[in-house]
């Protein structure tokens, strides 16, 4: 799809309680695309569609148990057909002494949708969902200097610190990670 045509289309973001097979396939394809584009989201390249599907099936089970909140961004075409182009999760299941906290995790935006405001919209929806779930503190980690790092700073998240060589890029090189938190009011 040509990038200028994307502006004529609209996305919606919603929380889902259960994934259907089409959504699992689309989320798997999204995960493969972002990993192959170089995103450090917990997987190494090359990532197979089958491994990505298994990941999303596990996430679906956690969502159904109430351990995670899953938000999907779907892009609709002129005929009303929607496809998943972004996602973010809140890990709600926390230790007994941290019921007020959630971890923001696995934010992914399709490469062709980046730099169009979808990441910020997903973050806002995640913060709103966290508030609705009674959470007052959010934490996350991201690759230092990444687009996510810049986005979180712009959205008022507070930088806690950096851990050198904390994770690996999909190609195996070490990368530093920055931790952030946000106090919700």
N, C-alpha and C. Protein backbone atom coordinates (compact mmCIF):
# COMPACT_ATOMS: atom_id res chain seq x y z
N UNK A 1 0.85 -1.18 0.00
CA UNK A 1 0.00 0.00 0.00
C UNK A 1 0.89 1.23 0.00
N UNK A 2 0.53 2.18 -0.80
CA UNK A 2 1.33 3.39 -0.89
C UNK A 2 1.07 4.28 0.34
N UNK A 3 2.13 4.89 0.91
CA UNK A 3 1.98 5.64 2.16
C UNK A 3 0.95 6.75 2.10
N UNK A 4 0.79 7.44 0.97
CA UNK A 4 -0.21 8.50 0.92
C UNK A 4 -1.62 7.94 0.99
N UNK A 5 -1.82 6.72 0.53
CA UNK A 5 -3.15 6.10 0.63
C UNK A 5 -3.50 5.77 2.07
N UNK A 6 -2.49 5.59 2.92
CA UNK A 6 -2.75 5.26 4.31
C UNK A 6 -3.47 6.39 5.03
N UNK A 7 -3.20 7.63 4.65
CA UNK A 7 -3.83 8.76 5.31
C UNK A 7 -5.32 8.81 5.05
N UNK A 8 -5.78 8.20 3.97
CA UNK A 8 -7.21 8.18 3.66
C UNK A 8 -7.94 7.11 4.46
N UNK A 9 -7.21 6.23 5.12
CA UNK A 9 -7.80 5.16 5.89
C UNK A 9 -7.78 5.54 7.37
N UNK A 10 -8.67 4.93 8.14
CA UNK A 10 -8.75 5.25 9.56
C UNK A 10 -8.48 4.01 10.39
N UNK A 11 -7.77 4.20 11.49
CA UNK A 11 -7.56 3.10 12.40
C UNK A 11 -8.49 3.25 13.60
N UNK A 12 -8.73 2.15 14.27
CA UNK A 12 -9.45 2.13 15.54
C UNK A 12 -8.61 1.32 16.51
N UNK A 13 -8.69 1.69 17.77
CA UNK A 13 -7.98 0.97 18.81
C UNK A 13 -9.02 0.47 19.80
N UNK A 14 -8.91 -0.81 20.12
CA UNK A 14 -9.87 -1.38 21.08
C UNK A 14 -9.20 -2.48 21.89
N UNK A 15 -9.74 -2.66 23.07
CA UNK A 15 -9.30 -3.75 23.93
C UNK A 15 -10.06 -5.01 23.53
N UNK A 16 -9.35 -6.13 23.45
CA UNK A 16 -10.00 -7.39 23.12
C UNK A 16 -9.88 -8.34 24.31
N UNK A 17 -10.90 -9.16 24.47
CA UNK A 17 -10.93 -10.14 25.56
C UNK A 17 -10.55 -11.53 25.08
N UNK A 18 -10.56 -11.72 23.77
CA UNK A 18 -10.22 -13.02 23.17
C UNK A 18 -9.83 -12.75 21.72
N UNK A 19 -8.82 -13.46 21.24
CA UNK A 19 -8.39 -13.34 19.85
C UNK A 19 -9.05 -14.41 19.01
N UNK A 20 -9.42 -14.03 17.79
CA UNK A 20 -9.92 -15.03 16.85
C UNK A 20 -8.76 -15.46 15.96
N UNK A 21 -8.93 -16.54 15.19
CA UNK A 21 -7.81 -17.05 14.36
C UNK A 21 -7.26 -16.01 13.38
N UNK A 22 -8.11 -15.18 12.80
CA UNK A 22 -7.63 -14.15 11.88
C UNK A 22 -6.74 -13.16 12.61
N UNK A 23 -7.15 -12.74 13.80
CA UNK A 23 -6.34 -11.79 14.56
C UNK A 23 -5.01 -12.41 14.97
N UNK A 24 -5.01 -13.67 15.35
CA UNK A 24 -3.75 -14.33 15.70
C UNK A 24 -2.82 -14.35 14.49
N UNK A 25 -3.35 -14.68 13.33
CA UNK A 25 -2.53 -14.69 12.11
C UNK A 25 -1.99 -13.29 11.80
N UNK A 26 -2.84 -12.27 11.93
CA UNK A 26 -2.40 -10.90 11.63
C UNK A 26 -1.39 -10.41 12.66
N UNK A 27 -1.59 -10.74 13.93
CA UNK A 27 -0.62 -10.36 14.95
C UNK A 27 0.70 -11.09 14.75
N UNK A 28 0.65 -12.34 14.33
CA UNK A 28 1.88 -13.09 14.04
C UNK A 28 2.64 -12.43 12.89
N UNK A 29 1.92 -12.06 11.84
CA UNK A 29 2.56 -11.39 10.70
C UNK A 29 3.15 -10.04 11.12
N UNK A 30 2.44 -9.32 11.98
CA UNK A 30 2.94 -8.04 12.49
C UNK A 30 4.23 -8.25 13.29
N UNK A 31 4.22 -9.23 14.18
CA UNK A 31 5.41 -9.51 14.98
C UNK A 31 6.61 -9.88 14.10
N UNK A 32 6.39 -10.72 13.10
CA UNK A 32 7.47 -11.08 12.18
C UNK A 32 7.98 -9.83 11.46
N UNK A 33 7.07 -8.97 11.02
CA UNK A 33 7.46 -7.76 10.29
C UNK A 33 8.30 -6.83 11.16
N UNK A 34 7.89 -6.60 12.41
CA UNK A 34 8.64 -5.66 13.24
C UNK A 34 10.00 -6.25 13.64
N UNK A 35 10.05 -7.56 13.91
CA UNK A 35 11.34 -8.18 14.23
C UNK A 35 12.28 -8.11 13.03
N UNK A 36 11.75 -8.41 11.86
CA UNK A 36 12.59 -8.37 10.65
C UNK A 36 12.99 -6.95 10.28
N UNK A 37 12.21 -5.96 10.77
CA UNK A 37 12.59 -4.55 10.56
C UNK A 37 13.59 -4.08 11.61
N UNK A 38 13.93 -4.96 12.57
CA UNK A 38 14.97 -4.63 13.54
C UNK A 38 14.49 -4.32 14.95
N UNK A 39 13.20 -4.45 15.25
CA UNK A 39 12.70 -4.13 16.58
C UNK A 39 13.15 -5.18 17.60
N UNK A 40 13.59 -4.71 18.75
CA UNK A 40 13.97 -5.61 19.84
C UNK A 40 12.76 -5.78 20.75
N UNK A 41 11.94 -6.78 20.46
CA UNK A 41 10.72 -7.04 21.24
C UNK A 41 10.72 -8.46 21.81
N UNK A 42 11.92 -9.00 22.04
CA UNK A 42 12.03 -10.28 22.69
C UNK A 42 12.25 -11.46 21.77
N UNK A 43 12.44 -11.24 20.49
CA UNK A 43 12.62 -12.33 19.53
C UNK A 43 13.84 -12.07 18.66
N UNK A 44 14.42 -13.17 18.19
CA UNK A 44 15.58 -13.09 17.32
C UNK A 44 15.16 -13.37 15.88
N UNK A 45 15.87 -12.76 14.94
CA UNK A 45 15.62 -13.01 13.52
C UNK A 45 16.46 -14.20 13.08
N UNK A 46 15.99 -14.98 12.16
CA UNK A 46 14.67 -14.87 11.55
C UNK A 46 13.61 -15.48 12.47
N UNK A 47 12.46 -14.85 12.53
CA UNK A 47 11.33 -15.32 13.34
C UNK A 47 10.32 -15.97 12.42
N UNK A 48 9.95 -17.20 12.72
CA UNK A 48 8.98 -17.91 11.88
C UNK A 48 7.56 -17.50 12.25
N UNK A 49 6.67 -17.58 11.28
CA UNK A 49 5.26 -17.30 11.54
C UNK A 49 4.70 -18.27 12.58
N UNK A 50 5.13 -19.51 12.55
CA UNK A 50 4.61 -20.49 13.52
C UNK A 50 5.01 -20.12 14.94
N UNK A 51 6.26 -19.72 15.13
CA UNK A 51 6.69 -19.31 16.47
C UNK A 51 5.91 -18.07 16.91
N UNK A 52 5.70 -17.13 16.00
CA UNK A 52 4.93 -15.93 16.31
C UNK A 52 3.48 -16.28 16.65
N UNK A 53 2.89 -17.22 15.93
CA UNK A 53 1.51 -17.66 16.23
C UNK A 53 1.44 -18.26 17.64
N UNK A 54 2.41 -19.10 17.99
CA UNK A 54 2.42 -19.71 19.32
C UNK A 54 2.51 -18.63 20.40
N UNK A 55 3.33 -17.62 20.16
CA UNK A 55 3.43 -16.51 21.11
C UNK A 55 2.06 -15.88 21.32
N UNK A 56 1.36 -15.56 20.23
CA UNK A 56 0.07 -14.90 20.35
C UNK A 56 -1.00 -15.82 20.93
N UNK A 57 -0.90 -17.09 20.71
CA UNK A 57 -1.83 -18.02 21.36
C UNK A 57 -1.62 -18.01 22.87
N UNK A 58 -0.37 -17.94 23.31
CA UNK A 58 -0.06 -17.85 24.74
C UNK A 58 -0.58 -16.53 25.32
N UNK A 59 -0.40 -15.44 24.57
CA UNK A 59 -0.90 -14.15 25.03
C UNK A 59 -2.42 -14.19 25.13
N UNK A 60 -3.08 -14.78 24.15
CA UNK A 60 -4.54 -14.91 24.18
C UNK A 60 -4.99 -15.62 25.45
N UNK A 61 -4.32 -16.69 25.82
CA UNK A 61 -4.67 -17.42 27.04
C UNK A 61 -4.50 -16.53 28.28
N UNK A 62 -3.42 -15.74 28.33
CA UNK A 62 -3.19 -14.83 29.46
C UNK A 62 -4.26 -13.74 29.52
N UNK A 63 -4.69 -13.25 28.35
CA UNK A 63 -5.76 -12.24 28.29
C UNK A 63 -7.05 -12.84 28.84
N UNK A 64 -7.36 -14.05 28.42
CA UNK A 64 -8.59 -14.70 28.88
C UNK A 64 -8.57 -14.97 30.38
N UNK A 65 -7.39 -15.17 30.96
CA UNK A 65 -7.28 -15.37 32.40
C UNK A 65 -7.29 -14.04 33.17
N UNK A 66 -7.27 -12.92 32.44
CA UNK A 66 -7.28 -11.61 33.09
C UNK A 66 -5.91 -11.13 33.53
N UNK A 67 -4.86 -11.80 33.09
CA UNK A 67 -3.51 -11.43 33.48
C UNK A 67 -2.96 -10.27 32.64
N UNK A 68 -3.52 -10.09 31.47
CA UNK A 68 -3.07 -9.03 30.56
C UNK A 68 -4.26 -8.33 29.93
N UNK A 69 -4.06 -7.06 29.62
CA UNK A 69 -5.00 -6.33 28.78
C UNK A 69 -4.32 -6.19 27.42
N UNK A 70 -5.04 -6.51 26.36
CA UNK A 70 -4.49 -6.47 25.01
C UNK A 70 -5.28 -5.48 24.18
N UNK A 71 -4.56 -4.52 23.59
CA UNK A 71 -5.17 -3.54 22.71
C UNK A 71 -4.70 -3.78 21.29
N UNK A 72 -5.64 -3.70 20.37
CA UNK A 72 -5.33 -3.86 18.95
C UNK A 72 -5.67 -2.56 18.22
N UNK A 73 -4.80 -2.18 17.31
CA UNK A 73 -5.09 -1.09 16.37
C UNK A 73 -5.39 -1.75 15.04
N UNK A 74 -6.57 -1.46 14.51
CA UNK A 74 -6.97 -2.05 13.24
C UNK A 74 -7.21 -0.93 12.23
N UNK A 75 -6.76 -1.18 11.02
CA UNK A 75 -6.92 -0.24 9.93
C UNK A 75 -8.02 -0.76 9.02
N UNK A 76 -9.01 0.09 8.76
CA UNK A 76 -10.12 -0.31 7.90
C UNK A 76 -9.95 0.31 6.52
N UNK A 77 -10.27 -0.48 5.51
CA UNK A 77 -10.23 0.05 4.15
C UNK A 77 -11.61 0.59 3.78
N UNK A 78 -11.76 1.06 2.57
CA UNK A 78 -13.01 1.67 2.12
C UNK A 78 -14.19 0.71 2.16
N UNK A 79 -13.92 -0.59 2.09
CA UNK A 79 -14.98 -1.59 2.14
C UNK A 79 -15.30 -2.05 3.56
N UNK A 80 -14.61 -1.48 4.55
CA UNK A 80 -14.87 -1.85 5.93
C UNK A 80 -14.09 -3.06 6.41
N UNK A 81 -13.19 -3.57 5.58
CA UNK A 81 -12.35 -4.69 5.99
C UNK A 81 -11.23 -4.16 6.88
N UNK A 82 -11.04 -4.80 8.03
CA UNK A 82 -10.04 -4.33 8.99
C UNK A 82 -8.90 -5.33 9.09
N UNK A 83 -7.70 -4.79 9.34
CA UNK A 83 -6.54 -5.65 9.60
C UNK A 83 -5.74 -5.02 10.73
N UNK A 84 -5.09 -5.87 11.51
CA UNK A 84 -4.31 -5.42 12.66
C UNK A 84 -3.02 -4.74 12.16
N UNK A 85 -2.78 -3.51 12.64
CA UNK A 85 -1.57 -2.78 12.25
C UNK A 85 -0.77 -2.31 13.47
N UNK A 86 -1.26 -2.62 14.66
CA UNK A 86 -0.54 -2.24 15.86
C UNK A 86 -1.13 -2.91 17.08
N UNK A 87 -0.33 -2.97 18.13
CA UNK A 87 -0.78 -3.59 19.37
C UNK A 87 0.07 -3.12 20.53
N UNK A 88 -0.49 -3.25 21.72
CA UNK A 88 0.24 -3.00 22.96
C UNK A 88 -0.45 -3.81 24.06
N UNK A 89 0.31 -4.17 25.08
CA UNK A 89 -0.23 -4.96 26.18
C UNK A 89 0.07 -4.29 27.51
N UNK A 90 -0.81 -4.56 28.46
CA UNK A 90 -0.58 -4.21 29.85
C UNK A 90 -0.53 -5.51 30.64
N UNK A 91 0.55 -5.72 31.36
CA UNK A 91 0.64 -6.89 32.23
C UNK A 91 0.02 -6.47 33.56
N UNK A 92 -1.18 -6.97 33.80
CA UNK A 92 -1.96 -6.58 34.97
C UNK A 92 -1.65 -7.44 36.19
N UNK A 93 -1.26 -8.68 35.97
CA UNK A 93 -1.01 -9.64 37.04
C UNK A 93 0.33 -9.32 37.69
N UNK A 94 0.27 -8.69 38.86
CA UNK A 94 1.47 -8.24 39.57
C UNK A 94 1.53 -8.88 40.94
N UNK A 95 2.68 -8.81 41.61
CA UNK A 95 2.79 -9.35 42.97
C UNK A 95 1.76 -8.71 43.91
N UNK A 96 1.50 -9.40 44.99
CA UNK A 96 0.49 -8.98 45.96
C UNK A 96 0.71 -7.56 46.48
N UNK A 97 1.97 -7.14 46.61
CA UNK A 97 2.25 -5.81 47.14
C UNK A 97 2.29 -4.73 46.06
N UNK A 98 1.88 -5.08 44.81
CA UNK A 98 1.89 -4.10 43.72
C UNK A 98 0.59 -4.13 42.92
N UNK A 99 -0.55 -4.16 43.57
CA UNK A 99 -1.81 -4.26 42.82
C UNK A 99 -2.13 -2.99 42.02
N UNK A 100 -1.45 -1.92 42.33
CA UNK A 100 -1.68 -0.62 41.69
C UNK A 100 -0.84 -0.41 40.44
N UNK A 101 -0.01 -1.39 40.08
CA UNK A 101 0.97 -1.23 39.00
C UNK A 101 0.67 -2.16 37.84
N UNK A 102 1.08 -1.73 36.63
CA UNK A 102 1.05 -2.59 35.44
C UNK A 102 2.30 -2.31 34.62
N UNK A 103 2.73 -3.32 33.87
CA UNK A 103 3.86 -3.16 32.95
C UNK A 103 3.31 -3.00 31.54
N UNK A 104 3.77 -1.99 30.86
CA UNK A 104 3.41 -1.82 29.45
C UNK A 104 4.41 -2.63 28.64
N UNK A 105 3.90 -3.46 27.71
CA UNK A 105 4.80 -4.39 27.01
C UNK A 105 4.42 -4.59 25.56
N UNK A 106 5.41 -4.98 24.78
CA UNK A 106 5.25 -5.45 23.40
C UNK A 106 4.46 -4.49 22.51
N UNK A 107 4.77 -3.18 22.62
CA UNK A 107 4.14 -2.26 21.68
C UNK A 107 4.75 -2.47 20.31
N UNK A 108 3.87 -2.66 19.32
CA UNK A 108 4.32 -2.91 17.95
C UNK A 108 3.44 -2.13 16.99
N UNK A 109 4.07 -1.48 16.04
CA UNK A 109 3.37 -0.75 14.98
C UNK A 109 3.93 -1.25 13.66
N UNK A 110 3.04 -1.61 12.75
CA UNK A 110 3.47 -2.10 11.43
C UNK A 110 4.42 -1.08 10.80
N UNK A 111 5.50 -1.56 10.18
CA UNK A 111 6.47 -0.62 9.60
C UNK A 111 5.85 0.44 8.69
N UNK A 112 4.85 0.07 7.90
CA UNK A 112 4.23 1.04 6.99
C UNK A 112 3.35 2.06 7.71
N UNK A 113 3.06 1.83 8.99
CA UNK A 113 2.20 2.74 9.76
C UNK A 113 3.00 3.63 10.72
N UNK A 114 4.30 3.44 10.78
CA UNK A 114 5.11 4.22 11.71
C UNK A 114 5.20 5.67 11.27
N UNK A 115 5.38 6.53 12.27
CA UNK A 115 5.50 7.98 12.07
C UNK A 115 4.21 8.62 11.58
N UNK A 116 3.08 8.05 11.99
CA UNK A 116 1.78 8.61 11.63
C UNK A 116 0.89 8.85 12.85
N UNK A 117 1.47 8.72 14.04
CA UNK A 117 0.72 8.96 15.27
C UNK A 117 0.09 7.74 15.89
N UNK A 118 0.23 6.59 15.27
CA UNK A 118 -0.40 5.39 15.79
C UNK A 118 0.25 4.94 17.10
N UNK A 119 1.56 5.05 17.21
CA UNK A 119 2.23 4.68 18.46
C UNK A 119 1.73 5.53 19.62
N UNK A 120 1.62 6.84 19.41
CA UNK A 120 1.11 7.73 20.46
C UNK A 120 -0.34 7.38 20.81
N UNK A 121 -1.14 7.05 19.80
CA UNK A 121 -2.54 6.68 20.05
C UNK A 121 -2.61 5.38 20.85
N UNK A 122 -1.76 4.42 20.53
CA UNK A 122 -1.72 3.17 21.31
C UNK A 122 -1.30 3.44 22.75
N UNK A 123 -0.31 4.30 22.95
CA UNK A 123 0.13 4.62 24.30
C UNK A 123 -0.98 5.28 25.09
N UNK A 124 -1.69 6.22 24.47
CA UNK A 124 -2.79 6.89 25.18
C UNK A 124 -3.88 5.89 25.54
N UNK A 125 -4.20 5.00 24.61
CA UNK A 125 -5.22 3.98 24.88
C UNK A 125 -4.76 3.05 26.01
N UNK A 126 -3.48 2.71 26.05
CA UNK A 126 -2.96 1.86 27.12
C UNK A 126 -3.05 2.57 28.47
N UNK A 127 -2.72 3.84 28.50
CA UNK A 127 -2.82 4.60 29.75
C UNK A 127 -4.28 4.68 30.20
N UNK A 128 -5.20 4.92 29.28
CA UNK A 128 -6.62 4.98 29.62
C UNK A 128 -7.12 3.63 30.13
N UNK A 129 -6.66 2.55 29.50
CA UNK A 129 -7.05 1.21 29.93
C UNK A 129 -6.50 0.92 31.32
N UNK A 130 -5.27 1.31 31.58
CA UNK A 130 -4.67 1.11 32.90
C UNK A 130 -5.49 1.84 33.97
N UNK A 131 -5.88 3.07 33.70
CA UNK A 131 -6.71 3.82 34.66
C UNK A 131 -8.02 3.08 34.90
N UNK A 132 -8.64 2.60 33.82
CA UNK A 132 -9.91 1.88 33.95
C UNK A 132 -9.75 0.60 34.77
N UNK A 133 -8.55 0.04 34.77
CA UNK A 133 -8.26 -1.18 35.55
C UNK A 133 -7.80 -0.85 36.97
N UNK A 134 -7.81 0.44 37.34
CA UNK A 134 -7.42 0.83 38.69
C UNK A 134 -5.93 0.94 38.90
N UNK A 135 -5.15 1.01 37.83
CA UNK A 135 -3.69 1.11 37.95
C UNK A 135 -3.28 2.57 38.04
N UNK A 136 -2.30 2.85 38.90
CA UNK A 136 -1.83 4.23 39.05
C UNK A 136 -0.35 4.41 38.70
N UNK A 137 0.36 3.29 38.49
CA UNK A 137 1.78 3.34 38.12
C UNK A 137 2.00 2.40 36.95
N UNK A 138 2.64 2.91 35.92
CA UNK A 138 3.02 2.09 34.76
C UNK A 138 4.53 2.11 34.63
N UNK A 139 5.10 0.99 34.19
CA UNK A 139 6.53 0.91 33.91
C UNK A 139 6.71 0.23 32.55
N UNK A 140 7.84 0.52 31.92
CA UNK A 140 8.19 -0.12 30.66
C UNK A 140 9.68 -0.04 30.46
N UNK A 141 10.16 -0.83 29.52
CA UNK A 141 11.55 -0.71 29.09
C UNK A 141 11.59 -0.72 27.58
N UNK A 142 12.60 -0.05 27.04
CA UNK A 142 12.76 0.05 25.59
C UNK A 142 14.23 0.24 25.24
N UNK A 143 14.55 -0.01 23.99
CA UNK A 143 15.92 0.19 23.53
C UNK A 143 16.27 1.68 23.64
N UNK A 144 17.38 1.95 24.28
CA UNK A 144 17.86 3.32 24.44
C UNK A 144 18.08 3.97 23.07
N UNK A 145 17.54 5.18 22.90
CA UNK A 145 17.71 5.92 21.65
C UNK A 145 16.77 5.50 20.54
N UNK A 146 15.87 4.58 20.80
CA UNK A 146 14.94 4.11 19.77
C UNK A 146 13.78 5.09 19.58
N UNK A 147 12.98 4.82 18.56
CA UNK A 147 11.78 5.63 18.34
C UNK A 147 10.86 5.55 19.56
N UNK A 148 10.78 4.37 20.18
CA UNK A 148 9.98 4.23 21.39
C UNK A 148 10.50 5.10 22.51
N UNK A 149 11.80 5.13 22.69
CA UNK A 149 12.43 5.96 23.71
C UNK A 149 12.00 7.41 23.53
N UNK A 150 12.06 7.90 22.31
CA UNK A 150 11.68 9.29 22.04
C UNK A 150 10.18 9.50 22.26
N UNK A 151 9.36 8.54 21.83
CA UNK A 151 7.90 8.65 22.00
C UNK A 151 7.54 8.71 23.48
N UNK A 152 8.08 7.82 24.29
CA UNK A 152 7.72 7.78 25.70
C UNK A 152 8.12 9.09 26.39
N UNK A 153 9.28 9.62 26.05
CA UNK A 153 9.71 10.89 26.62
C UNK A 153 8.73 12.00 26.24
N UNK A 154 8.33 12.05 24.98
CA UNK A 154 7.37 13.07 24.52
C UNK A 154 6.03 12.96 25.23
N UNK A 155 5.66 11.74 25.61
CA UNK A 155 4.35 11.51 26.24
C UNK A 155 4.38 11.64 27.77
N UNK A 156 5.48 12.18 28.29
CA UNK A 156 5.53 12.47 29.71
C UNK A 156 5.98 11.35 30.62
N UNK A 157 6.51 10.28 30.04
CA UNK A 157 7.05 9.20 30.85
C UNK A 157 8.39 9.66 31.43
N UNK A 158 8.70 9.23 32.63
CA UNK A 158 9.93 9.63 33.30
C UNK A 158 10.99 8.54 33.15
N UNK A 159 12.14 8.96 32.69
CA UNK A 159 13.28 8.05 32.51
C UNK A 159 13.83 7.68 33.89
N UNK A 160 14.01 6.38 34.12
CA UNK A 160 14.54 5.91 35.40
C UNK A 160 16.04 5.66 35.29
N UNK A 161 16.45 5.01 34.21
CA UNK A 161 17.86 4.72 34.03
C UNK A 161 18.09 3.78 32.87
N UNK A 162 19.35 3.56 32.59
CA UNK A 162 19.75 2.73 31.44
C UNK A 162 20.59 1.55 31.91
N UNK A 163 20.35 0.41 31.30
CA UNK A 163 21.14 -0.79 31.57
C UNK A 163 21.88 -1.15 30.28
N UNK A 164 23.21 -1.04 30.26
CA UNK A 164 23.97 -1.38 29.06
C UNK A 164 23.84 -2.87 28.73
N UNK A 165 23.81 -3.18 27.46
CA UNK A 165 23.81 -4.57 26.98
C UNK A 165 22.73 -5.42 27.64
N UNK A 166 21.58 -4.86 27.92
CA UNK A 166 20.50 -5.56 28.62
C UNK A 166 19.83 -6.62 27.74
N UNK A 167 19.64 -6.28 26.48
CA UNK A 167 18.95 -7.19 25.55
C UNK A 167 19.78 -7.30 24.28
N UNK A 168 19.21 -8.02 23.32
CA UNK A 168 19.86 -8.17 22.02
C UNK A 168 18.96 -7.63 20.92
N UNK A 169 19.58 -7.05 19.92
CA UNK A 169 18.87 -6.74 18.68
C UNK A 169 18.51 -8.08 18.03
N UNK A 170 17.55 -8.11 17.13
CA UNK A 170 17.20 -9.37 16.46
C UNK A 170 18.37 -10.04 15.75
N UNK A 171 19.40 -9.27 15.40
CA UNK A 171 20.56 -9.86 14.73
C UNK A 171 21.63 -10.35 15.70
N UNK A 172 21.38 -10.23 17.01
CA UNK A 172 22.30 -10.76 18.01
C UNK A 172 23.23 -9.75 18.66
N UNK A 173 23.27 -8.53 18.17
CA UNK A 173 24.12 -7.51 18.80
C UNK A 173 23.49 -7.05 20.11
N UNK A 174 24.30 -6.78 21.15
CA UNK A 174 23.73 -6.26 22.40
C UNK A 174 23.21 -4.84 22.22
N UNK A 175 22.15 -4.53 22.98
CA UNK A 175 21.63 -3.15 22.95
C UNK A 175 21.30 -2.70 24.37
N UNK A 176 21.47 -1.41 24.63
CA UNK A 176 21.13 -0.88 25.94
C UNK A 176 19.61 -0.69 26.06
N UNK A 177 19.12 -0.77 27.28
CA UNK A 177 17.70 -0.61 27.55
C UNK A 177 17.50 0.52 28.55
N UNK A 178 16.48 1.33 28.31
CA UNK A 178 16.10 2.39 29.22
C UNK A 178 14.77 2.04 29.87
N UNK A 179 14.70 2.23 31.18
CA UNK A 179 13.46 2.01 31.93
C UNK A 179 12.75 3.35 32.13
N UNK A 180 11.43 3.30 32.03
CA UNK A 180 10.57 4.46 32.22
C UNK A 180 9.44 4.11 33.18
N UNK A 181 8.87 5.15 33.81
CA UNK A 181 7.65 4.97 34.59
C UNK A 181 6.74 6.17 34.34
N UNK A 182 5.48 5.98 34.62
CA UNK A 182 4.52 7.08 34.54
C UNK A 182 3.52 6.90 35.66
N UNK A 183 3.32 7.97 36.39
CA UNK A 183 2.33 8.01 37.46
C UNK A 183 1.02 8.50 36.85
N UNK A 184 -0.01 7.69 36.93
CA UNK A 184 -1.31 8.05 36.36
C UNK A 184 -2.14 8.77 37.43
N UNK A 185 -2.84 9.80 36.99
CA UNK A 185 -3.71 10.53 37.94
C UNK A 185 -5.14 10.53 37.45
